[in-house]
N, C-alpha and C. Protein backbone atom coordinates (compact mmCIF):
# COMPACT_ATOMS: atom_id res chain seq x y z
N UNK A 1 107.38 106.66 125.22
CA UNK A 1 108.15 107.35 124.21
C UNK A 1 107.50 108.70 123.93
N UNK A 2 108.30 109.66 123.57
CA UNK A 2 107.81 111.00 123.28
C UNK A 2 107.30 111.06 121.84
N UNK A 3 106.06 111.52 121.68
CA UNK A 3 105.52 111.69 120.33
C UNK A 3 105.18 113.15 120.10
N UNK A 4 105.40 113.60 118.89
CA UNK A 4 105.19 115.00 118.56
C UNK A 4 105.10 115.11 117.05
N UNK A 5 104.14 115.89 116.57
CA UNK A 5 103.94 116.07 115.12
C UNK A 5 105.19 116.66 114.46
N UNK A 6 105.85 117.61 115.12
CA UNK A 6 107.05 118.23 114.55
C UNK A 6 108.17 117.22 114.42
N UNK A 7 108.35 116.40 115.46
CA UNK A 7 109.38 115.36 115.41
C UNK A 7 109.08 114.38 114.28
N UNK A 8 107.83 113.97 114.17
CA UNK A 8 107.43 113.04 113.11
C UNK A 8 107.73 113.63 111.74
N UNK A 9 107.29 114.84 111.51
CA UNK A 9 107.47 115.48 110.20
C UNK A 9 108.94 115.60 109.84
N UNK A 10 109.75 116.05 110.80
CA UNK A 10 111.18 116.23 110.54
C UNK A 10 111.86 114.88 110.26
N UNK A 11 111.56 113.88 111.08
CA UNK A 11 112.19 112.57 110.90
C UNK A 11 111.78 111.94 109.58
N UNK A 12 110.49 112.02 109.24
CA UNK A 12 110.01 111.46 107.97
C UNK A 12 110.65 112.16 106.79
N UNK A 13 110.76 113.47 106.86
CA UNK A 13 111.35 114.23 105.75
C UNK A 13 112.83 113.89 105.58
N UNK A 14 113.56 113.78 106.70
CA UNK A 14 114.99 113.50 106.63
C UNK A 14 115.30 112.05 106.28
N UNK A 15 114.56 111.12 106.85
CA UNK A 15 114.89 109.70 106.70
C UNK A 15 114.16 109.00 105.57
N UNK A 16 113.03 109.56 105.14
CA UNK A 16 112.14 108.81 104.24
C UNK A 16 111.40 109.75 103.30
N UNK A 17 112.10 110.62 102.59
CA UNK A 17 111.41 111.65 101.79
C UNK A 17 110.57 111.11 100.64
N UNK A 18 110.87 109.93 100.15
CA UNK A 18 110.13 109.39 99.00
C UNK A 18 109.29 108.18 99.37
N UNK A 19 108.69 108.22 100.54
CA UNK A 19 107.87 107.11 101.05
C UNK A 19 106.80 106.73 100.03
N UNK A 20 106.75 105.45 99.69
CA UNK A 20 105.77 104.95 98.71
C UNK A 20 104.34 105.11 99.18
N UNK A 21 104.14 105.16 100.48
CA UNK A 21 102.78 105.27 101.02
C UNK A 21 102.37 106.72 101.23
N UNK A 22 103.27 107.55 101.74
CA UNK A 22 102.89 108.91 102.11
C UNK A 22 103.25 109.97 101.08
N UNK A 23 104.28 109.78 100.30
CA UNK A 23 104.76 110.85 99.41
C UNK A 23 103.71 111.27 98.39
N UNK A 24 103.39 112.56 98.42
CA UNK A 24 102.48 113.12 97.42
C UNK A 24 103.27 113.51 96.17
N UNK A 25 104.61 113.61 96.30
CA UNK A 25 105.46 114.00 95.18
C UNK A 25 105.75 112.85 94.23
N UNK A 26 105.61 111.62 94.71
CA UNK A 26 105.88 110.45 93.89
C UNK A 26 104.61 110.08 93.13
N UNK A 27 104.65 110.11 91.79
CA UNK A 27 103.45 109.81 91.02
C UNK A 27 102.92 108.39 91.24
N UNK A 28 103.78 107.48 91.70
CA UNK A 28 103.34 106.12 92.00
C UNK A 28 102.99 105.95 93.48
N UNK A 29 103.29 106.97 94.29
CA UNK A 29 103.00 106.90 95.72
C UNK A 29 101.51 106.97 96.00
N UNK A 30 101.11 106.47 97.15
CA UNK A 30 99.70 106.44 97.51
C UNK A 30 99.22 107.77 98.10
N UNK A 31 100.14 108.62 98.57
CA UNK A 31 99.78 109.93 99.09
C UNK A 31 98.91 109.89 100.34
N UNK A 32 99.05 108.86 101.16
CA UNK A 32 98.24 108.72 102.37
C UNK A 32 98.88 109.48 103.53
N UNK A 33 98.09 109.83 104.52
CA UNK A 33 98.57 110.53 105.71
C UNK A 33 98.53 109.61 106.91
N UNK A 34 99.44 109.87 107.85
CA UNK A 34 99.41 109.14 109.11
C UNK A 34 99.13 110.13 110.23
N UNK A 35 98.64 109.60 111.34
CA UNK A 35 98.35 110.43 112.50
C UNK A 35 98.77 109.65 113.74
N UNK A 36 99.33 110.34 114.72
CA UNK A 36 99.75 109.68 115.95
C UNK A 36 98.99 110.28 117.13
N UNK A 37 98.37 109.42 117.92
CA UNK A 37 97.58 109.86 119.07
C UNK A 37 98.47 110.05 120.29
N UNK A 38 97.88 110.58 121.36
CA UNK A 38 98.61 110.84 122.60
C UNK A 38 99.26 109.58 123.18
N UNK A 39 98.63 108.42 122.99
CA UNK A 39 99.18 107.18 123.55
C UNK A 39 100.28 106.57 122.68
N UNK A 40 100.63 107.25 121.58
CA UNK A 40 101.71 106.78 120.72
C UNK A 40 101.28 105.88 119.58
N UNK A 41 99.98 105.62 119.46
CA UNK A 41 99.48 104.79 118.36
C UNK A 41 99.45 105.60 117.08
N UNK A 42 100.06 105.07 116.03
CA UNK A 42 100.05 105.73 114.73
C UNK A 42 99.05 105.00 113.84
N UNK A 43 98.25 105.78 113.13
CA UNK A 43 97.25 105.18 112.24
C UNK A 43 97.33 105.77 110.85
N UNK A 44 97.05 104.93 109.88
CA UNK A 44 96.90 105.34 108.49
C UNK A 44 95.50 104.91 108.09
N UNK A 45 94.69 105.88 107.68
CA UNK A 45 93.32 105.58 107.26
C UNK A 45 93.20 105.80 105.77
N UNK A 46 92.71 104.79 105.09
CA UNK A 46 92.44 104.87 103.66
C UNK A 46 90.93 105.02 103.55
N UNK A 47 90.48 106.26 103.33
CA UNK A 47 89.04 106.56 103.38
C UNK A 47 88.27 106.07 102.16
N UNK A 48 88.86 106.12 101.01
CA UNK A 48 88.12 105.72 99.81
C UNK A 48 88.55 104.35 99.29
N UNK A 49 89.32 103.64 100.08
CA UNK A 49 89.72 102.30 99.69
C UNK A 49 90.85 102.29 98.68
N UNK A 50 91.44 101.15 98.53
CA UNK A 50 92.50 100.93 97.55
C UNK A 50 92.01 99.91 96.54
N UNK A 51 92.46 100.04 95.33
CA UNK A 51 91.98 99.17 94.26
C UNK A 51 93.01 98.11 93.84
N UNK A 52 93.98 97.83 94.70
CA UNK A 52 95.00 96.84 94.37
C UNK A 52 94.50 95.46 94.76
N UNK A 53 93.90 94.78 93.83
CA UNK A 53 93.28 93.49 94.11
C UNK A 53 94.23 92.33 93.88
N UNK A 54 94.02 91.31 94.67
CA UNK A 54 94.59 90.00 94.41
C UNK A 54 93.46 89.23 93.75
N UNK A 55 92.73 88.49 94.57
CA UNK A 55 91.52 87.85 94.07
C UNK A 55 90.44 88.92 93.90
N UNK A 56 89.46 88.63 93.06
CA UNK A 56 88.40 89.58 92.74
C UNK A 56 87.78 90.18 94.01
N UNK A 57 87.83 91.51 94.11
CA UNK A 57 87.21 92.21 95.23
C UNK A 57 87.96 92.17 96.54
N UNK A 58 89.15 91.59 96.54
CA UNK A 58 89.95 91.46 97.77
C UNK A 58 91.24 92.25 97.63
N UNK A 59 91.58 93.01 98.68
CA UNK A 59 92.82 93.76 98.68
C UNK A 59 94.00 92.78 98.72
N UNK A 60 94.99 93.02 97.89
CA UNK A 60 96.16 92.15 97.79
C UNK A 60 96.93 92.14 99.11
N UNK A 61 97.37 90.96 99.52
CA UNK A 61 98.11 90.81 100.77
C UNK A 61 99.41 91.60 100.81
N UNK A 62 100.03 91.79 99.66
CA UNK A 62 101.26 92.59 99.61
C UNK A 62 101.00 94.05 99.94
N UNK A 63 99.84 94.55 99.55
CA UNK A 63 99.46 95.93 99.87
C UNK A 63 99.17 96.05 101.36
N UNK A 64 98.53 95.04 101.93
CA UNK A 64 98.29 95.03 103.37
C UNK A 64 99.63 95.05 104.10
N UNK A 65 100.59 94.26 103.64
CA UNK A 65 101.93 94.24 104.24
C UNK A 65 102.58 95.61 104.14
N UNK A 66 102.47 96.25 102.98
CA UNK A 66 103.03 97.58 102.77
C UNK A 66 102.44 98.58 103.77
N UNK A 67 101.12 98.52 103.97
CA UNK A 67 100.46 99.45 104.89
C UNK A 67 100.89 99.22 106.34
N UNK A 68 101.05 97.96 106.74
CA UNK A 68 101.55 97.68 108.09
C UNK A 68 102.97 98.22 108.26
N UNK A 69 103.83 97.94 107.30
CA UNK A 69 105.21 98.40 107.36
C UNK A 69 105.26 99.93 107.45
N UNK A 70 104.45 100.60 106.66
CA UNK A 70 104.43 102.07 106.67
C UNK A 70 103.91 102.62 108.00
N UNK A 71 102.84 102.06 108.52
CA UNK A 71 102.29 102.54 109.79
C UNK A 71 103.32 102.37 110.91
N UNK A 72 104.03 101.25 110.90
CA UNK A 72 105.04 101.00 111.93
C UNK A 72 106.24 101.92 111.77
N UNK A 73 106.66 102.14 110.54
CA UNK A 73 107.77 103.06 110.28
C UNK A 73 107.42 104.46 110.75
N UNK A 74 106.20 104.91 110.46
CA UNK A 74 105.79 106.25 110.86
C UNK A 74 105.53 106.34 112.36
N UNK A 75 105.24 105.24 113.01
CA UNK A 75 105.15 105.20 114.47
C UNK A 75 106.53 105.50 115.06
N UNK A 76 107.56 104.93 114.48
CA UNK A 76 108.93 105.23 114.93
C UNK A 76 109.27 106.69 114.64
N UNK A 77 108.93 107.19 113.46
CA UNK A 77 109.19 108.59 113.13
C UNK A 77 108.56 109.53 114.15
N UNK A 78 107.36 109.21 114.61
CA UNK A 78 106.66 110.05 115.59
C UNK A 78 107.42 110.11 116.91
N UNK A 79 108.31 109.14 117.12
CA UNK A 79 109.14 109.11 118.31
C UNK A 79 110.57 109.56 118.03
N UNK A 80 110.78 110.16 116.86
CA UNK A 80 112.08 110.69 116.51
C UNK A 80 113.10 109.63 116.13
N UNK A 81 112.62 108.47 115.73
CA UNK A 81 113.51 107.36 115.40
C UNK A 81 113.37 106.96 113.94
N UNK A 82 114.46 106.49 113.39
CA UNK A 82 114.46 105.95 112.03
C UNK A 82 114.92 104.51 112.12
N UNK A 83 114.14 103.60 111.53
CA UNK A 83 114.49 102.19 111.61
C UNK A 83 114.17 101.45 110.33
N UNK A 84 114.74 100.28 110.21
CA UNK A 84 114.47 99.41 109.06
C UNK A 84 113.83 98.12 109.57
N UNK A 85 113.01 97.52 108.74
CA UNK A 85 112.28 96.32 109.11
C UNK A 85 113.23 95.13 109.19
N UNK A 86 113.28 94.50 110.35
CA UNK A 86 114.07 93.28 110.52
C UNK A 86 113.20 92.06 110.26
N UNK A 87 111.95 92.12 110.70
CA UNK A 87 110.98 91.06 110.41
C UNK A 87 109.58 91.64 110.47
N UNK A 88 108.68 91.06 109.69
CA UNK A 88 107.28 91.48 109.66
C UNK A 88 106.43 90.23 109.50
N UNK A 89 105.63 89.94 110.51
CA UNK A 89 104.76 88.77 110.48
C UNK A 89 103.31 89.23 110.52
N UNK A 90 102.53 88.77 109.56
CA UNK A 90 101.15 89.20 109.44
C UNK A 90 100.23 87.99 109.55
N UNK A 91 99.18 88.17 110.30
CA UNK A 91 98.13 87.16 110.42
C UNK A 91 96.91 87.71 109.70
N UNK A 92 96.57 87.12 108.57
CA UNK A 92 95.41 87.52 107.79
C UNK A 92 94.20 86.78 108.35
N UNK A 93 93.29 87.50 108.99
CA UNK A 93 92.16 86.88 109.68
C UNK A 93 90.92 86.76 108.81
N UNK A 94 90.64 87.81 108.05
CA UNK A 94 89.47 87.85 107.17
C UNK A 94 89.84 88.63 105.92
N UNK A 95 89.17 88.38 104.81
CA UNK A 95 89.46 89.14 103.59
C UNK A 95 89.19 90.63 103.78
N UNK A 96 90.06 91.44 103.20
CA UNK A 96 89.88 92.89 103.19
C UNK A 96 89.26 93.23 101.84
N UNK A 97 88.10 93.85 101.86
CA UNK A 97 87.38 94.18 100.63
C UNK A 97 88.04 95.40 99.99
N UNK A 98 88.43 95.29 98.73
CA UNK A 98 89.06 96.43 98.05
C UNK A 98 88.01 97.50 97.78
N UNK A 99 88.46 98.76 97.75
CA UNK A 99 87.56 99.87 97.47
C UNK A 99 86.79 100.38 98.66
N UNK A 100 87.01 99.81 99.84
CA UNK A 100 86.33 100.27 101.06
C UNK A 100 87.35 100.81 102.05
N UNK A 101 86.89 101.68 102.92
CA UNK A 101 87.72 102.32 103.92
C UNK A 101 88.38 101.30 104.86
N UNK A 102 89.66 101.53 105.18
CA UNK A 102 90.38 100.70 106.15
C UNK A 102 91.23 101.60 107.04
N UNK A 103 91.54 101.11 108.23
CA UNK A 103 92.45 101.82 109.13
C UNK A 103 93.49 100.83 109.63
N UNK A 104 94.76 101.22 109.48
CA UNK A 104 95.88 100.41 109.97
C UNK A 104 96.51 101.18 111.12
N UNK A 105 96.66 100.53 112.26
CA UNK A 105 97.24 101.16 113.46
C UNK A 105 98.50 100.41 113.87
N UNK A 106 99.45 101.14 114.45
CA UNK A 106 100.69 100.54 114.92
C UNK A 106 101.13 101.20 116.22
N UNK A 107 101.76 100.41 117.07
CA UNK A 107 102.24 100.92 118.34
C UNK A 107 103.51 100.18 118.76
N UNK A 108 104.43 100.91 119.38
CA UNK A 108 105.64 100.29 119.92
C UNK A 108 105.25 99.50 121.16
N UNK A 109 105.62 98.22 121.18
CA UNK A 109 105.32 97.36 122.33
C UNK A 109 106.51 97.24 123.27
N UNK A 110 107.72 97.10 122.70
CA UNK A 110 108.93 96.91 123.50
C UNK A 110 110.10 97.57 122.80
N UNK A 111 111.07 97.97 123.62
CA UNK A 111 112.32 98.51 123.10
C UNK A 111 113.46 97.79 123.80
N UNK A 112 114.42 97.36 123.02
CA UNK A 112 115.59 96.74 123.60
C UNK A 112 116.79 97.21 122.80
N UNK A 113 117.52 98.14 123.35
CA UNK A 113 118.67 98.72 122.67
C UNK A 113 118.24 99.24 121.30
N UNK A 114 118.80 98.69 120.24
CA UNK A 114 118.47 99.16 118.89
C UNK A 114 117.35 98.37 118.22
N UNK A 115 116.73 97.46 118.94
CA UNK A 115 115.65 96.66 118.37
C UNK A 115 114.33 97.05 119.03
N UNK A 116 113.34 97.37 118.21
CA UNK A 116 112.01 97.73 118.71
C UNK A 116 110.99 96.73 118.17
N UNK A 117 110.09 96.30 119.05
CA UNK A 117 108.99 95.42 118.67
C UNK A 117 107.74 96.28 118.54
N UNK A 118 107.07 96.19 117.39
CA UNK A 118 105.84 96.92 117.15
C UNK A 118 104.72 95.94 116.82
N UNK A 119 103.51 96.34 117.17
CA UNK A 119 102.33 95.54 116.84
C UNK A 119 101.36 96.42 116.08
N UNK A 120 100.57 95.78 115.21
CA UNK A 120 99.62 96.54 114.42
C UNK A 120 98.34 95.78 114.17
N UNK A 121 97.31 96.54 113.82
CA UNK A 121 96.01 95.97 113.47
C UNK A 121 95.47 96.66 112.22
N UNK A 122 94.66 95.94 111.47
CA UNK A 122 93.95 96.50 110.33
C UNK A 122 92.47 96.23 110.54
N UNK A 123 91.68 97.31 110.55
CA UNK A 123 90.23 97.21 110.71
C UNK A 123 89.53 97.73 109.47
N UNK A 124 88.41 97.12 109.16
CA UNK A 124 87.55 97.57 108.08
C UNK A 124 86.11 97.42 108.56
N UNK A 125 85.37 98.52 108.51
CA UNK A 125 83.98 98.46 108.98
C UNK A 125 83.86 98.03 110.42
N UNK A 126 84.83 98.43 111.26
CA UNK A 126 84.80 98.07 112.67
C UNK A 126 85.23 96.65 112.98
N UNK A 127 85.62 95.88 111.97
CA UNK A 127 86.00 94.49 112.16
C UNK A 127 87.51 94.32 111.98
N UNK A 128 88.13 93.57 112.91
CA UNK A 128 89.55 93.26 112.80
C UNK A 128 89.75 92.30 111.64
N UNK A 129 90.54 92.72 110.64
CA UNK A 129 90.76 91.90 109.45
C UNK A 129 92.14 91.25 109.44
N UNK A 130 93.13 91.92 110.03
CA UNK A 130 94.46 91.32 110.14
C UNK A 130 95.24 92.02 111.24
N UNK A 131 96.29 91.33 111.68
CA UNK A 131 97.16 91.91 112.70
C UNK A 131 98.60 91.55 112.36
N UNK A 132 99.51 92.35 112.89
CA UNK A 132 100.92 92.17 112.54
C UNK A 132 101.81 92.42 113.74
N UNK A 133 102.98 91.82 113.66
CA UNK A 133 104.02 92.05 114.65
C UNK A 133 105.32 92.20 113.87
N UNK A 134 106.12 93.17 114.26
CA UNK A 134 107.37 93.41 113.52
C UNK A 134 108.49 93.80 114.47
N UNK A 135 109.70 93.53 114.02
CA UNK A 135 110.89 94.01 114.71
C UNK A 135 111.57 95.00 113.77
N UNK A 136 111.94 96.13 114.33
CA UNK A 136 112.65 97.16 113.57
C UNK A 136 113.99 97.42 114.21
N UNK A 137 115.02 97.49 113.39
CA UNK A 137 116.36 97.82 113.82
C UNK A 137 116.50 99.33 113.69
N UNK A 138 116.78 100.01 114.80
CA UNK A 138 116.89 101.47 114.80
C UNK A 138 118.26 101.84 114.23
N UNK A 139 118.22 102.67 113.19
CA UNK A 139 119.47 103.06 112.54
C UNK A 139 119.95 104.44 112.96
N UNK A 140 119.04 105.31 113.38
CA UNK A 140 119.48 106.62 113.87
C UNK A 140 118.32 107.38 114.49
N UNK A 141 118.62 108.19 115.52
CA UNK A 141 117.60 109.10 116.03
C UNK A 141 117.52 110.32 115.11
N UNK A 142 116.44 111.06 115.25
CA UNK A 142 116.31 112.28 114.45
C UNK A 142 117.38 113.27 114.88
N UNK A 143 117.81 114.10 113.95
CA UNK A 143 118.80 115.12 114.25
C UNK A 143 118.24 116.05 115.33
N UNK A 144 119.01 116.24 116.40
CA UNK A 144 118.60 117.15 117.45
C UNK A 144 117.58 116.59 118.42
N UNK A 145 117.21 115.33 118.28
CA UNK A 145 116.21 114.74 119.17
C UNK A 145 116.89 114.11 120.37
N UNK A 146 116.34 114.34 121.53
CA UNK A 146 116.82 113.65 122.73
C UNK A 146 115.66 113.52 123.70
N UNK A 147 115.68 112.47 124.50
CA UNK A 147 114.60 112.28 125.48
C UNK A 147 114.99 112.86 126.80
């Protein structure tokens, strides 16, 4: 798939202007940034940690789910696609410590017509803490985008 910062920015702005994870304009938004590498992997790094706890000192599983969903959505944006989550399955392997740096990565694994399969990982301190698999239903390509 073709990835490009301009395509990502345009698609995100048009399809998802009030993203709860990335929007700096939303006072409740997390204001995080995503980055897409040459191989198409999109990552969201939380450098100073998040303070949304479930159990004492542990990042809430719902926040982990939100971060996976956002990384996968922005992975599609980097390819000029806009999609909605059809399913999201997360395997929580180890507790994620709140307040510490984490990186969530996502990559398109398969495409079949309007359905895309994405996989993701969450690392903290170099250790795999959780992984996810999701299906996204593609609702529209970016305006003016073609392969």
